Amino acid sequence: MFEYHGWITVRETAEDDDDDARLQEIVDGIAARIRELDSPYLLDLRWMNGEAFIHLGGFRNHHDPKIPAFFREVGQRAPGSYGLLHLWDDEDPGRENEFRVLRLVRGRVAEDTETLLSPCIPVLEDPFTPSA
């Protein structure tokens, strides 16, 4: 199982002084990329109060490398962007019992254990006990 939830505030630069035309170009490119991904899950780009935001979430049977890759790609296209992506991949050896969090700041992505949700068992779910 592969569960993910995230958001990104899209910015051209970290100066909070983006050129509107250039930012629109960047957002248009990201929108085109979202259409290419054609995800049946939550992958939403919209403008709110003059700012571009991306929200993403899903629950798949298996790991989807396109999700963390897309998160990183937004940072490359718009290096002033920031956001978080939480992932739980029960097929990731050594990490199957923890939520991971990707942090996007100034175009760079760092990964760590999400301590508020980990270890998933017993924090989120009870341990499996076979029926007698």
N, C-alpha and C. Protein backbone atom coordinates (compact mmCIF):
# COMPACT_ATOMS: atom_id res chain seq x y z
N MET A 1 0.84 -1.17 0.00
CA MET A 1 0.00 0.00 0.00
C MET A 1 0.89 1.24 0.00
N PHE A 2 0.47 2.24 -0.73
CA PHE A 2 1.24 3.48 -0.86
C PHE A 2 0.27 4.64 -0.66
N GLU A 3 0.41 5.32 0.46
CA GLU A 3 -0.46 6.44 0.81
C GLU A 3 0.37 7.71 0.78
N TYR A 4 -0.21 8.78 0.23
CA TYR A 4 0.52 10.05 0.18
C TYR A 4 -0.45 11.23 0.28
N HIS A 5 0.05 12.29 0.91
CA HIS A 5 -0.71 13.52 1.11
C HIS A 5 0.29 14.68 1.07
N GLY A 6 0.00 15.72 0.29
CA GLY A 6 0.95 16.82 0.24
C GLY A 6 0.38 18.10 -0.33
N TRP A 7 1.19 19.14 -0.24
CA TRP A 7 0.84 20.47 -0.76
C TRP A 7 2.13 21.20 -1.12
N ILE A 8 2.00 22.12 -2.06
CA ILE A 8 3.12 22.97 -2.48
C ILE A 8 2.58 24.37 -2.77
N THR A 9 3.24 25.38 -2.23
CA THR A 9 3.02 26.76 -2.65
C THR A 9 4.03 27.02 -3.75
N VAL A 10 3.54 27.35 -4.95
CA VAL A 10 4.40 27.50 -6.13
C VAL A 10 4.89 28.94 -6.23
N ARG A 11 6.20 29.09 -6.21
CA ARG A 11 6.81 30.42 -6.35
C ARG A 11 8.03 30.33 -7.25
N GLU A 12 8.19 31.34 -8.07
CA GLU A 12 9.34 31.39 -8.97
C GLU A 12 10.63 31.54 -8.18
N THR A 13 10.63 32.44 -7.19
CA THR A 13 11.82 32.71 -6.37
C THR A 13 11.41 32.76 -4.90
N ALA A 14 12.39 32.77 -4.04
CA ALA A 14 12.14 32.88 -2.60
C ALA A 14 12.00 34.33 -2.16
N GLU A 15 12.08 35.26 -3.09
CA GLU A 15 12.03 36.69 -2.76
C GLU A 15 10.61 37.21 -2.58
N ASP A 16 9.60 36.37 -2.83
CA ASP A 16 8.21 36.79 -2.76
C ASP A 16 7.99 38.02 -3.64
N ASP A 17 8.66 38.03 -4.78
CA ASP A 17 8.62 39.15 -5.71
C ASP A 17 8.60 38.61 -7.14
N ASP A 18 7.79 37.58 -7.36
CA ASP A 18 7.78 36.90 -8.65
C ASP A 18 7.27 37.80 -9.77
N ASP A 19 7.87 37.63 -10.94
CA ASP A 19 7.38 38.26 -12.15
C ASP A 19 6.11 37.51 -12.56
N ASP A 20 4.99 38.21 -12.62
CA ASP A 20 3.71 37.56 -12.88
C ASP A 20 3.69 36.75 -14.17
N ALA A 21 4.28 37.30 -15.22
CA ALA A 21 4.29 36.60 -16.51
C ALA A 21 5.14 35.34 -16.43
N ARG A 22 6.29 35.43 -15.80
CA ARG A 22 7.18 34.27 -15.67
C ARG A 22 6.53 33.20 -14.78
N LEU A 23 5.90 33.62 -13.68
CA LEU A 23 5.24 32.66 -12.81
C LEU A 23 4.11 31.96 -13.55
N GLN A 24 3.36 32.70 -14.35
CA GLN A 24 2.28 32.09 -15.14
C GLN A 24 2.85 31.05 -16.10
N GLU A 25 3.99 31.33 -16.72
CA GLU A 25 4.67 30.36 -17.60
C GLU A 25 5.01 29.08 -16.84
N ILE A 26 5.58 29.26 -15.64
CA ILE A 26 5.96 28.12 -14.81
C ILE A 26 4.73 27.30 -14.45
N VAL A 27 3.68 27.98 -14.00
CA VAL A 27 2.46 27.30 -13.59
C VAL A 27 1.82 26.58 -14.78
N ASP A 28 1.85 27.20 -15.95
CA ASP A 28 1.32 26.54 -17.15
C ASP A 28 2.09 25.26 -17.45
N GLY A 29 3.42 25.30 -17.28
CA GLY A 29 4.24 24.11 -17.50
C GLY A 29 3.92 23.01 -16.50
N ILE A 30 3.71 23.40 -15.24
CA ILE A 30 3.35 22.42 -14.21
C ILE A 30 1.96 21.84 -14.51
N ALA A 31 1.02 22.68 -14.95
CA ALA A 31 -0.32 22.21 -15.30
C ALA A 31 -0.25 21.19 -16.44
N ALA A 32 0.60 21.44 -17.41
CA ALA A 32 0.78 20.50 -18.52
C ALA A 32 1.34 19.18 -18.00
N ARG A 33 2.26 19.26 -17.08
CA ARG A 33 2.86 18.06 -16.49
C ARG A 33 1.81 17.26 -15.71
N ILE A 34 0.94 17.96 -15.00
CA ILE A 34 -0.14 17.30 -14.26
C ILE A 34 -1.06 16.54 -15.22
N ARG A 35 -1.37 17.15 -16.37
CA ARG A 35 -2.20 16.46 -17.36
C ARG A 35 -1.50 15.22 -17.90
N GLU A 36 -0.17 15.28 -18.06
CA GLU A 36 0.59 14.12 -18.52
C GLU A 36 0.54 12.99 -17.50
N LEU A 37 0.60 13.33 -16.23
CA LEU A 37 0.58 12.31 -15.18
C LEU A 37 -0.77 11.60 -15.13
N ASP A 38 -1.84 12.32 -15.46
CA ASP A 38 -3.17 11.74 -15.58
C ASP A 38 -3.52 10.86 -14.38
N SER A 39 -3.32 11.40 -13.18
CA SER A 39 -3.57 10.64 -11.95
C SER A 39 -5.06 10.55 -11.66
N PRO A 40 -5.54 9.36 -11.28
CA PRO A 40 -6.94 9.24 -10.88
C PRO A 40 -7.15 9.74 -9.44
N TYR A 41 -6.07 10.09 -8.76
CA TYR A 41 -6.14 10.54 -7.38
C TYR A 41 -6.11 12.06 -7.32
N LEU A 42 -5.99 12.61 -6.15
CA LEU A 42 -5.97 14.05 -5.99
C LEU A 42 -4.65 14.63 -6.51
N LEU A 43 -4.74 15.46 -7.53
CA LEU A 43 -3.59 16.20 -8.06
C LEU A 43 -4.17 17.48 -8.63
N ASP A 44 -4.18 18.51 -7.81
CA ASP A 44 -4.93 19.72 -8.09
C ASP A 44 -4.01 20.94 -8.06
N LEU A 45 -4.07 21.74 -9.08
CA LEU A 45 -3.34 23.00 -9.16
C LEU A 45 -4.36 24.11 -9.31
N ARG A 46 -4.30 25.08 -8.42
CA ARG A 46 -5.24 26.19 -8.54
C ARG A 46 -4.65 27.46 -7.96
N TRP A 47 -5.23 28.56 -8.39
CA TRP A 47 -4.85 29.88 -7.91
C TRP A 47 -5.80 30.27 -6.78
N MET A 48 -5.24 30.76 -5.69
CA MET A 48 -6.03 31.27 -4.57
C MET A 48 -5.38 32.57 -4.10
N ASN A 49 -6.14 33.64 -4.13
CA ASN A 49 -5.67 34.93 -3.66
C ASN A 49 -4.34 35.33 -4.31
N GLY A 50 -4.23 35.05 -5.60
CA GLY A 50 -3.04 35.45 -6.36
C GLY A 50 -1.84 34.53 -6.23
N GLU A 51 -1.99 33.42 -5.52
CA GLU A 51 -0.90 32.46 -5.34
C GLU A 51 -1.30 31.12 -5.96
N ALA A 52 -0.32 30.41 -6.52
CA ALA A 52 -0.57 29.09 -7.10
C ALA A 52 -0.25 28.01 -6.06
N PHE A 53 -1.17 27.06 -5.92
CA PHE A 53 -1.01 25.96 -4.97
C PHE A 53 -1.26 24.63 -5.65
N ILE A 54 -0.54 23.61 -5.19
CA ILE A 54 -0.76 22.24 -5.64
C ILE A 54 -1.13 21.42 -4.41
N HIS A 55 -2.16 20.60 -4.55
CA HIS A 55 -2.53 19.65 -3.52
C HIS A 55 -2.53 18.27 -4.15
N LEU A 56 -1.99 17.29 -3.44
CA LEU A 56 -1.95 15.94 -3.98
C LEU A 56 -2.18 14.93 -2.88
N GLY A 57 -2.81 13.85 -3.22
CA GLY A 57 -3.07 12.79 -2.26
C GLY A 57 -3.59 11.55 -2.96
N GLY A 58 -3.30 10.42 -2.37
CA GLY A 58 -3.78 9.18 -2.96
C GLY A 58 -3.50 7.99 -2.08
N PHE A 59 -4.06 6.87 -2.49
CA PHE A 59 -3.93 5.62 -1.77
C PHE A 59 -3.89 4.52 -2.83
N ARG A 60 -2.70 4.07 -3.18
CA ARG A 60 -2.51 3.10 -4.26
C ARG A 60 -2.14 1.74 -3.69
N ASN A 61 -2.25 0.72 -4.52
CA ASN A 61 -1.86 -0.63 -4.09
C ASN A 61 -0.35 -0.77 -3.96
N HIS A 62 0.40 -0.04 -4.81
CA HIS A 62 1.87 -0.17 -4.82
C HIS A 62 2.51 1.20 -4.97
N HIS A 63 3.78 1.25 -4.64
CA HIS A 63 4.57 2.49 -4.75
C HIS A 63 4.45 3.09 -6.16
N ASP A 64 4.35 4.39 -6.22
CA ASP A 64 4.32 5.10 -7.50
C ASP A 64 5.46 6.12 -7.50
N PRO A 65 6.55 5.82 -8.19
CA PRO A 65 7.70 6.73 -8.17
C PRO A 65 7.42 8.09 -8.81
N LYS A 66 6.33 8.18 -9.58
CA LYS A 66 6.00 9.46 -10.22
C LYS A 66 5.62 10.53 -9.19
N ILE A 67 5.11 10.12 -8.04
CA ILE A 67 4.64 11.09 -7.05
C ILE A 67 5.81 11.86 -6.43
N PRO A 68 6.79 11.19 -5.80
CA PRO A 68 7.92 11.96 -5.27
C PRO A 68 8.73 12.65 -6.38
N ALA A 69 8.77 12.05 -7.56
CA ALA A 69 9.49 12.68 -8.68
C ALA A 69 8.80 13.99 -9.09
N PHE A 70 7.48 13.99 -9.13
CA PHE A 70 6.74 15.21 -9.47
C PHE A 70 6.98 16.28 -8.40
N PHE A 71 6.97 15.90 -7.14
CA PHE A 71 7.22 16.83 -6.04
C PHE A 71 8.58 17.51 -6.23
N ARG A 72 9.60 16.72 -6.56
CA ARG A 72 10.94 17.27 -6.80
C ARG A 72 10.96 18.15 -8.06
N GLU A 73 10.24 17.73 -9.08
CA GLU A 73 10.20 18.47 -10.34
C GLU A 73 9.64 19.88 -10.15
N VAL A 74 8.63 20.02 -9.31
CA VAL A 74 8.08 21.35 -9.05
C VAL A 74 9.16 22.25 -8.46
N GLY A 75 9.97 21.71 -7.55
CA GLY A 75 11.07 22.49 -6.98
C GLY A 75 12.10 22.90 -8.01
N GLN A 76 12.33 22.07 -9.00
CA GLN A 76 13.27 22.42 -10.07
C GLN A 76 12.70 23.50 -10.98
N ARG A 77 11.42 23.39 -11.28
CA ARG A 77 10.78 24.37 -12.17
C ARG A 77 10.57 25.71 -11.49
N ALA A 78 10.26 25.68 -10.19
CA ALA A 78 9.92 26.88 -9.43
C ALA A 78 10.70 26.85 -8.11
N PRO A 79 11.98 27.26 -8.13
CA PRO A 79 12.85 27.09 -6.96
C PRO A 79 12.49 27.93 -5.74
N GLY A 80 11.52 28.79 -5.82
CA GLY A 80 11.06 29.51 -4.64
C GLY A 80 9.93 28.79 -3.92
N SER A 81 9.53 27.64 -4.45
CA SER A 81 8.39 26.90 -3.91
C SER A 81 8.74 26.23 -2.58
N TYR A 82 7.69 25.96 -1.81
CA TYR A 82 7.87 25.22 -0.56
C TYR A 82 6.63 24.36 -0.31
N GLY A 83 6.85 23.26 0.42
CA GLY A 83 5.74 22.38 0.72
C GLY A 83 6.19 21.11 1.40
N LEU A 84 5.22 20.25 1.70
CA LEU A 84 5.46 18.97 2.36
C LEU A 84 4.72 17.86 1.62
N LEU A 85 5.33 16.69 1.60
CA LEU A 85 4.69 15.49 1.05
C LEU A 85 4.90 14.35 2.03
N HIS A 86 3.81 13.82 2.57
CA HIS A 86 3.88 12.71 3.51
C HIS A 86 3.61 11.41 2.74
N LEU A 87 4.44 10.39 2.98
CA LEU A 87 4.35 9.12 2.26
C LEU A 87 4.39 7.95 3.25
N TRP A 88 3.55 6.96 3.00
CA TRP A 88 3.66 5.69 3.73
C TRP A 88 3.66 4.59 2.68
N ASP A 89 4.77 3.89 2.58
CA ASP A 89 4.94 2.82 1.60
C ASP A 89 5.27 1.53 2.35
N ASP A 90 4.29 0.66 2.49
CA ASP A 90 4.52 -0.55 3.27
C ASP A 90 5.35 -1.60 2.53
N GLU A 91 5.82 -1.26 1.32
CA GLU A 91 6.71 -2.14 0.57
C GLU A 91 8.14 -1.63 0.55
N ASP A 92 8.43 -0.56 1.28
CA ASP A 92 9.76 0.04 1.32
C ASP A 92 10.57 -0.63 2.43
N PRO A 93 11.51 -1.51 2.07
CA PRO A 93 12.24 -2.28 3.09
C PRO A 93 12.92 -1.36 4.12
N GLY A 94 12.69 -1.68 5.38
CA GLY A 94 13.27 -0.90 6.46
C GLY A 94 12.48 0.34 6.83
N ARG A 95 11.53 0.71 5.98
CA ARG A 95 10.71 1.89 6.24
C ARG A 95 9.21 1.58 6.14
N GLU A 96 8.89 0.31 6.11
CA GLU A 96 7.50 -0.09 5.89
C GLU A 96 6.57 0.28 7.05
N ASN A 97 7.13 0.63 8.19
CA ASN A 97 6.31 0.96 9.35
C ASN A 97 6.43 2.43 9.74
N GLU A 98 6.78 3.27 8.78
CA GLU A 98 6.90 4.69 9.11
C GLU A 98 6.41 5.57 7.98
N PHE A 99 5.83 6.68 8.37
CA PHE A 99 5.53 7.73 7.40
C PHE A 99 6.83 8.48 7.15
N ARG A 100 7.07 8.80 5.90
CA ARG A 100 8.21 9.64 5.52
C ARG A 100 7.65 11.01 5.14
N VAL A 101 8.44 12.04 5.32
CA VAL A 101 8.02 13.37 4.91
C VAL A 101 9.11 13.96 4.03
N LEU A 102 8.69 14.43 2.86
CA LEU A 102 9.59 15.17 1.97
C LEU A 102 9.30 16.65 2.20
N ARG A 103 10.35 17.42 2.41
CA ARG A 103 10.22 18.85 2.64
C ARG A 103 10.87 19.59 1.48
N LEU A 104 10.09 20.40 0.79
CA LEU A 104 10.57 21.20 -0.33
C LEU A 104 10.76 22.64 0.15
N VAL A 105 11.99 23.12 0.06
CA VAL A 105 12.31 24.50 0.43
C VAL A 105 13.39 25.00 -0.53
N ARG A 106 13.12 26.13 -1.19
CA ARG A 106 14.09 26.75 -2.10
C ARG A 106 14.59 25.78 -3.17
N GLY A 107 13.68 24.98 -3.69
CA GLY A 107 14.01 24.07 -4.78
C GLY A 107 14.68 22.79 -4.36
N ARG A 108 14.97 22.62 -3.08
CA ARG A 108 15.65 21.42 -2.60
C ARG A 108 14.69 20.57 -1.77
N VAL A 109 14.82 19.25 -1.95
CA VAL A 109 13.97 18.32 -1.23
C VAL A 109 14.82 17.53 -0.23
N ALA A 110 14.37 17.51 1.01
CA ALA A 110 14.99 16.69 2.05
C ALA A 110 13.95 15.69 2.52
N GLU A 111 14.41 14.52 2.97
CA GLU A 111 13.49 13.46 3.40
C GLU A 111 13.83 13.06 4.83
N ASP A 112 12.78 12.78 5.61
CA ASP A 112 12.98 12.36 6.99
C ASP A 112 11.79 11.51 7.44
N THR A 113 11.90 10.90 8.61
CA THR A 113 10.79 10.18 9.20
C THR A 113 9.81 11.19 9.79
N GLU A 114 8.53 10.98 9.57
CA GLU A 114 7.49 11.81 10.16
C GLU A 114 7.19 11.23 11.54
N THR A 115 7.75 11.84 12.57
CA THR A 115 7.65 11.28 13.92
C THR A 115 6.25 11.40 14.52
N LEU A 116 5.43 12.29 14.03
CA LEU A 116 4.08 12.43 14.57
C LEU A 116 3.17 11.27 14.18
N LEU A 117 3.53 10.56 13.09
CA LEU A 117 2.70 9.45 12.59
C LEU A 117 3.41 8.10 12.65
N SER A 118 4.61 8.07 13.16
CA SER A 118 5.41 6.85 13.13
C SER A 118 5.81 6.45 14.55
N PRO A 119 6.00 5.15 14.79
CA PRO A 119 5.78 4.03 13.87
C PRO A 119 4.29 3.82 13.61
N CYS A 120 3.96 3.51 12.38
CA CYS A 120 2.56 3.39 11.97
C CYS A 120 1.82 2.36 12.82
N ILE A 121 2.51 1.27 13.14
CA ILE A 121 1.96 0.29 14.07
C ILE A 121 2.84 0.36 15.31
N PRO A 122 2.37 0.82 16.42
CA PRO A 122 1.01 0.88 16.91
C PRO A 122 0.39 2.28 16.93
N VAL A 123 1.07 3.32 16.39
CA VAL A 123 0.51 4.67 16.47
C VAL A 123 -0.79 4.79 15.70
N LEU A 124 -0.81 4.35 14.44
CA LEU A 124 -2.00 4.50 13.60
C LEU A 124 -2.89 3.27 13.59
N GLU A 125 -2.28 2.11 13.66
CA GLU A 125 -3.02 0.86 13.58
C GLU A 125 -2.57 -0.08 14.69
N ASP A 126 -3.48 -0.96 15.08
CA ASP A 126 -3.14 -1.99 16.07
C ASP A 126 -2.29 -3.06 15.41
N PRO A 127 -1.44 -3.72 16.18
CA PRO A 127 -0.69 -4.84 15.63
C PRO A 127 -1.63 -5.96 15.18
N PHE A 128 -1.23 -6.68 14.17
CA PHE A 128 -2.04 -7.79 13.67
C PHE A 128 -2.00 -8.93 14.66
N THR A 129 -3.13 -9.44 15.02
CA THR A 129 -3.22 -10.62 15.87
C THR A 129 -4.11 -11.62 15.17
N PRO A 130 -3.57 -12.79 14.85
CA PRO A 130 -4.36 -13.79 14.15
C PRO A 130 -5.53 -14.28 15.02
N SER A 131 -6.63 -14.57 14.36
CA SER A 131 -7.81 -15.08 15.07
C SER A 131 -7.55 -16.52 15.50
N ALA A 132 -8.12 -16.86 16.62
CA ALA A 132 -7.93 -18.24 17.11
C ALA A 132 -8.85 -19.20 16.42
